[in-house]
């Protein structure tokens, strides 16, 4: 499988998992209901996020908030595709990261285009400290970004160390 197939296949799996889990939440958990999963740590809750990450711009008028997020998602998708174009087929870590982010972006884009908001349902907390609710798409975006950061930090060091060792011989 080539790099495009790998990225598109992974993105499709992420979109599918994201949309199925959101469908289940909408079908089985009333809006704003909370189901405790791990006492004192994890809950399932059905919320609609009209904003971006951490509720960014959630209170902004629909007339420009929705076009902003739809446009930003489309720009991100185009930029991610450019990364794929310029990434070697052997750079599986980067391709995995891009496929994860792409799938997450498309999953949330579908929600925004269909409902004007994203369905979030995973809620984590410790004592009185709560992390904003998130979903499968958000999880893969976060994983993808973490992998990209890891790759950028460590691939450069490995390359530099290898070049230094080679120049000593």
C-alpha atoms as a PDB file:
ATOM      1  CA  UNK A   1       0.000   0.000   0.000  1.00  0.00           C
ATOM      2  CA  UNK A   2       1.360   3.403  -0.944  1.00  0.00           C
ATOM      3  CA  UNK A   3       1.530   6.418   1.307  1.00  0.00           C
ATOM      4  CA  UNK A   4      -1.716   7.911  -0.022  1.00  0.00           C
ATOM      5  CA  UNK A   5      -3.595   4.670   0.541  1.00  0.00           C
ATOM      6  CA  UNK A   6      -2.144   4.371   4.038  1.00  0.00           C
ATOM      7  CA  UNK A   7      -3.149   7.923   5.016  1.00  0.00           C
ATOM      8  CA  UNK A   8      -6.593   7.744   3.397  1.00  0.00           C
ATOM      9  CA  UNK A   9      -7.266   4.291   4.876  1.00  0.00           C
ATOM     10  CA  UNK A  10      -6.329   5.412   8.373  1.00  0.00           C
ATOM     11  CA  UNK A  11      -8.330   8.628   8.007  1.00  0.00           C
ATOM     12  CA  UNK A  12     -11.365   6.600   6.850  1.00  0.00           C
ATOM     13  CA  UNK A  13     -11.081   4.297   9.880  1.00  0.00           C
ATOM     14  CA  UNK A  14     -10.896   7.317  12.202  1.00  0.00           C
ATOM     15  CA  UNK A  15     -13.906   8.992  10.543  1.00  0.00           C
ATOM     16  CA  UNK A  16     -15.890   5.749  10.748  1.00  0.00           C
ATOM     17  CA  UNK A  17     -15.048   5.163  14.435  1.00  0.00           C
ATOM     18  CA  UNK A  18     -15.772   8.805  15.240  1.00  0.00           C
ATOM     19  CA  UNK A  19     -19.127   8.916  13.473  1.00  0.00           C
ATOM     20  CA  UNK A  20     -20.293   5.549  14.857  1.00  0.00           C
ATOM     21  CA  UNK A  21     -19.458   6.519  18.446  1.00  0.00           C
ATOM     22  CA  UNK A  22     -21.159   9.898  18.031  1.00  0.00           C
ATOM     23  CA  UNK A  23     -24.228   8.199  16.556  1.00  0.00           C
ATOM     24  CA  UNK A  24     -24.333   5.840  19.556  1.00  0.00           C
ATOM     25  CA  UNK A  25     -24.084   8.738  21.994  1.00  0.00           C
ATOM     26  CA  UNK A  26     -26.839  10.711  20.245  1.00  0.00           C
ATOM     27  CA  UNK A  27     -29.068   7.604  20.077  1.00  0.00           C
ATOM     28  CA  UNK A  28     -28.531   6.322  23.620  1.00  0.00           C
ATOM     29  CA  UNK A  29     -27.535   9.216  25.897  1.00  0.00           C
ATOM     30  CA  UNK A  30     -29.872  12.189  26.347  1.00  0.00           C
ATOM     31  CA  UNK A  31     -28.294  15.616  25.832  1.00  0.00           C
ATOM     32  CA  UNK A  32     -26.398  16.698  28.986  1.00  0.00           C
ATOM     33  CA  UNK A  33     -26.878  13.320  30.691  1.00  0.00           C
ATOM     34  CA  UNK A  34     -23.859  11.915  32.531  1.00  0.00           C
ATOM     35  CA  UNK A  35     -22.993   8.229  32.946  1.00  0.00           C
ATOM     36  CA  UNK A  36     -20.183   7.505  35.371  1.00  0.00           C
ATOM     37  CA  UNK A  37     -17.687   4.977  33.948  1.00  0.00           C
ATOM     38  CA  UNK A  38     -14.765   5.150  36.384  1.00  0.00           C
ATOM     39  CA  UNK A  39     -15.849   6.810  39.642  1.00  0.00           C
ATOM     40  CA  UNK A  40     -13.980  10.039  40.265  1.00  0.00           C
ATOM     41  CA  UNK A  41     -12.248   9.964  36.868  1.00  0.00           C
ATOM     42  CA  UNK A  42     -14.231   9.208  33.687  1.00  0.00           C
ATOM     43  CA  UNK A  43     -17.782   9.781  32.502  1.00  0.00           C
ATOM     44  CA  UNK A  44     -19.753   9.560  29.303  1.00  0.00           C
ATOM     45  CA  UNK A  45     -21.759  12.697  28.712  1.00  0.00           C
ATOM     46  CA  UNK A  46     -23.622  13.994  25.686  1.00  0.00           C
ATOM     47  CA  UNK A  47     -22.740  17.603  24.914  1.00  0.00           C
ATOM     48  CA  UNK A  48     -22.695  19.779  21.802  1.00  0.00           C
ATOM     49  CA  UNK A  49     -19.656  21.986  21.315  1.00  0.00           C
ATOM     50  CA  UNK A  50     -20.344  24.931  19.030  1.00  0.00           C
ATOM     51  CA  UNK A  51     -16.786  26.180  19.499  1.00  0.00           C
ATOM     52  CA  UNK A  52     -13.382  24.768  18.757  1.00  0.00           C
ATOM     53  CA  UNK A  53     -10.912  23.143  21.113  1.00  0.00           C
ATOM     54  CA  UNK A  54     -11.698  23.976  24.744  1.00  0.00           C
ATOM     55  CA  UNK A  55     -14.862  25.788  23.600  1.00  0.00           C
ATOM     56  CA  UNK A  56     -12.888  28.415  21.660  1.00  0.00           C
ATOM     57  CA  UNK A  57     -15.366  30.882  20.076  1.00  0.00           C
ATOM     58  CA  UNK A  58     -18.368  28.905  21.377  1.00  0.00           C
ATOM     59  CA  UNK A  59     -20.224  32.123  22.203  1.00  0.00           C
ATOM     60  CA  UNK A  60     -19.507  33.814  18.872  1.00  0.00           C
ATOM     61  CA  UNK A  61     -22.393  34.507  16.477  1.00  0.00           C
ATOM     62  CA  UNK A  62     -23.323  31.574  14.212  1.00  0.00           C
ATOM     63  CA  UNK A  63     -23.134  33.856  11.171  1.00  0.00           C
ATOM     64  CA  UNK A  64     -19.343  33.889  11.250  1.00  0.00           C
ATOM     65  CA  UNK A  65     -18.379  31.135  13.746  1.00  0.00           C
ATOM     66  CA  UNK A  66     -19.593  28.290  11.545  1.00  0.00           C
ATOM     67  CA  UNK A  67     -18.003  29.588   8.299  1.00  0.00           C
ATOM     68  CA  UNK A  68     -14.778  30.213  10.250  1.00  0.00           C
ATOM     69  CA  UNK A  69     -14.578  26.625  11.559  1.00  0.00           C
ATOM     70  CA  UNK A  70     -15.631  25.083   8.248  1.00  0.00           C
ATOM     71  CA  UNK A  71     -13.022  27.174   6.409  1.00  0.00           C
ATOM     72  CA  UNK A  72     -10.326  26.425   8.981  1.00  0.00           C
ATOM     73  CA  UNK A  73     -11.074  22.697   8.681  1.00  0.00           C
ATOM     74  CA  UNK A  74     -10.826  22.810   4.901  1.00  0.00           C
ATOM     75  CA  UNK A  75      -7.542  24.739   5.050  1.00  0.00           C
ATOM     76  CA  UNK A  76      -6.167  22.204   7.552  1.00  0.00           C
ATOM     77  CA  UNK A  77      -7.161  19.317   5.275  1.00  0.00           C
ATOM     78  CA  UNK A  78      -5.407  20.923   2.282  1.00  0.00           C
ATOM     79  CA  UNK A  79      -2.279  21.607   4.356  1.00  0.00           C
ATOM     80  CA  UNK A  80      -2.244  18.042   5.689  1.00  0.00           C
ATOM     81  CA  UNK A  81      -2.471  16.726   2.147  1.00  0.00           C
ATOM     82  CA  UNK A  82       0.544  18.866   1.233  1.00  0.00           C
ATOM     83  CA  UNK A  83       2.450  17.250   4.097  1.00  0.00           C
ATOM     84  CA  UNK A  84       1.607  13.830   2.647  1.00  0.00           C
ATOM     85  CA  UNK A  85       2.811  14.917  -0.791  1.00  0.00           C
ATOM     86  CA  UNK A  86       6.188  15.943   0.640  1.00  0.00           C
ATOM     87  CA  UNK A  87       6.632  12.996   3.006  1.00  0.00           C
ATOM     88  CA  UNK A  88       8.458   9.855   1.964  1.00  0.00           C
ATOM     89  CA  UNK A  89       6.576   6.558   1.892  1.00  0.00           C
ATOM     90  CA  UNK A  90       9.040   5.188   4.467  1.00  0.00           C
ATOM     91  CA  UNK A  91       8.168   7.889   7.027  1.00  0.00           C
ATOM     92  CA  UNK A  92       5.315   5.880   8.566  1.00  0.00           C
ATOM     93  CA  UNK A  93       5.269   7.853  11.824  1.00  0.00           C
ATOM     94  CA  UNK A  94       4.579  11.116  10.016  1.00  0.00           C
ATOM     95  CA  UNK A  95       2.047   9.452   7.713  1.00  0.00           C
ATOM     96  CA  UNK A  96       0.290   7.877  10.720  1.00  0.00           C
ATOM     97  CA  UNK A  97       0.163  11.282  12.405  1.00  0.00           C
ATOM     98  CA  UNK A  98      -1.218  12.997   9.311  1.00  0.00           C
ATOM     99  CA  UNK A  99      -3.813  10.253   8.756  1.00  0.00           C
ATOM    100  CA  UNK A 100      -4.920  10.549  12.381  1.00  0.00           C
ATOM    101  CA  UNK A 101      -5.232  14.332  12.233  1.00  0.00           C
ATOM    102  CA  UNK A 102      -6.921  14.211   8.831  1.00  0.00           C
ATOM    103  CA  UNK A 103      -9.480  11.656  10.020  1.00  0.00           C
ATOM    104  CA  UNK A 104     -10.195  13.674  13.154  1.00  0.00           C
ATOM    105  CA  UNK A 105     -10.565  16.896  11.197  1.00  0.00           C
ATOM    106  CA  UNK A 106     -12.979  15.281   8.740  1.00  0.00           C
ATOM    107  CA  UNK A 107     -14.971  13.654  11.556  1.00  0.00           C
ATOM    108  CA  UNK A 108     -15.511  16.977  13.297  1.00  0.00           C
ATOM    109  CA  UNK A 109     -16.092  18.744   9.963  1.00  0.00           C
ATOM    110  CA  UNK A 110     -18.976  16.352   9.251  1.00  0.00           C
ATOM    111  CA  UNK A 111     -20.580  17.312  12.577  1.00  0.00           C
ATOM    112  CA  UNK A 112     -20.146  21.027  11.976  1.00  0.00           C
ATOM    113  CA  UNK A 113     -21.536  20.830   8.453  1.00  0.00           C
ATOM    114  CA  UNK A 114     -24.493  18.687   9.549  1.00  0.00           C
ATOM    115  CA  UNK A 115     -25.382  20.251  12.924  1.00  0.00           C
ATOM    116  CA  UNK A 116     -23.321  23.406  13.374  1.00  0.00           C
ATOM    117  CA  UNK A 117     -21.740  21.796  16.467  1.00  0.00           C
ATOM    118  CA  UNK A 118     -19.540  18.849  17.371  1.00  0.00           C
ATOM    119  CA  UNK A 119     -20.825  16.000  19.550  1.00  0.00           C
ATOM    120  CA  UNK A 120     -18.465  15.426  22.484  1.00  0.00           C
ATOM    121  CA  UNK A 121     -18.945  12.657  25.028  1.00  0.00           C
ATOM    122  CA  UNK A 122     -15.773  11.669  26.893  1.00  0.00           C
ATOM    123  CA  UNK A 123     -15.316  13.570  30.131  1.00  0.00           C
ATOM    124  CA  UNK A 124     -12.262  13.120  32.346  1.00  0.00           C
ATOM    125  CA  UNK A 125     -11.710  14.704  35.734  1.00  0.00           C
ATOM    126  CA  UNK A 126      -9.782  14.410  38.940  1.00  0.00           C
ATOM    127  CA  UNK A 127     -11.414  15.844  42.027  1.00  0.00           C
ATOM    128  CA  UNK A 128     -12.696  19.283  40.982  1.00  0.00           C
ATOM    129  CA  UNK A 129     -10.433  19.533  37.922  1.00  0.00           C
ATOM    130  CA  UNK A 130     -12.278  18.743  34.688  1.00  0.00           C
ATOM    131  CA  UNK A 131     -10.836  18.329  31.197  1.00  0.00           C
ATOM    132  CA  UNK A 132     -13.235  19.624  28.535  1.00  0.00           C
ATOM    133  CA  UNK A 133     -15.364  16.870  26.991  1.00  0.00           C
ATOM    134  CA  UNK A 134     -13.966  15.401  23.784  1.00  0.00           C
ATOM    135  CA  UNK A 135     -14.609  12.666  21.218  1.00  0.00           C
ATOM    136  CA  UNK A 136     -12.820  10.069  19.073  1.00  0.00           C
ATOM    137  CA  UNK A 137     -11.899  12.653  16.406  1.00  0.00           C
ATOM    138  CA  UNK A 138     -10.349  14.926  19.035  1.00  0.00           C
ATOM    139  CA  UNK A 139      -8.416  11.964  20.460  1.00  0.00           C
ATOM    140  CA  UNK A 140      -6.892  11.117  17.087  1.00  0.00           C
ATOM    141  CA  UNK A 141      -6.056  14.753  16.391  1.00  0.00           C
ATOM    142  CA  UNK A 142      -4.219  14.875  19.743  1.00  0.00           C
ATOM    143  CA  UNK A 143      -2.434  11.577  19.103  1.00  0.00           C
ATOM    144  CA  UNK A 144      -1.423  12.738  15.626  1.00  0.00           C
ATOM    145  CA  UNK A 145      -0.056  16.036  16.912  1.00  0.00           C
ATOM    146  CA  UNK A 146       1.864  14.216  19.676  1.00  0.00           C
ATOM    147  CA  UNK A 147       3.394  11.842  17.120  1.00  0.00           C
ATOM    148  CA  UNK A 148       4.393  14.777  14.878  1.00  0.00           C
ATOM    149  CA  UNK A 149       6.028  16.554  17.806  1.00  0.00           C
ATOM    150  CA  UNK A 150       7.801  13.340  18.824  1.00  0.00           C
ATOM    151  CA  UNK A 151       8.980  12.754  15.252  1.00  0.00           C
ATOM    152  CA  UNK A 152      10.227  16.313  14.879  1.00  0.00           C
ATOM    153  CA  UNK A 153      12.096  16.229  18.183  1.00  0.00           C
ATOM    154  CA  UNK A 154      13.678  12.811  17.877  1.00  0.00           C
ATOM    155  CA  UNK A 155      14.154  12.260  14.150  1.00  0.00           C
ATOM    156  CA  UNK A 156      16.341  15.356  13.935  1.00  0.00           C
ATOM    157  CA  UNK A 157      18.429  14.240  16.896  1.00  0.00           C
ATOM    158  CA  UNK A 158      18.845  10.732  15.540  1.00  0.00           C
ATOM    159  CA  UNK A 159      19.867  12.146  12.173  1.00  0.00           C
ATOM    160  CA  UNK A 160      22.318  14.585  13.776  1.00  0.00           C
ATOM    161  CA  UNK A 161      23.805  11.881  16.022  1.00  0.00           C
ATOM    162  CA  UNK A 162      24.177   9.535  13.053  1.00  0.00           C
ATOM    163  CA  UNK A 163      25.885  12.216  10.972  1.00  0.00           C
ATOM    164  CA  UNK A 164      28.223  13.110  13.841  1.00  0.00           C
ATOM    165  CA  UNK A 165      29.150   9.465  14.395  1.00  0.00           C
ATOM    166  CA  UNK A 166      29.709   8.946  10.675  1.00  0.00           C
ATOM    167  CA  UNK A 167      31.966  12.011  10.423  1.00  0.00           C
ATOM    168  CA  UNK A 168      34.141  10.714  13.270  1.00  0.00           C
ATOM    169  CA  UNK A 169      35.075   7.597  11.316  1.00  0.00           C
END
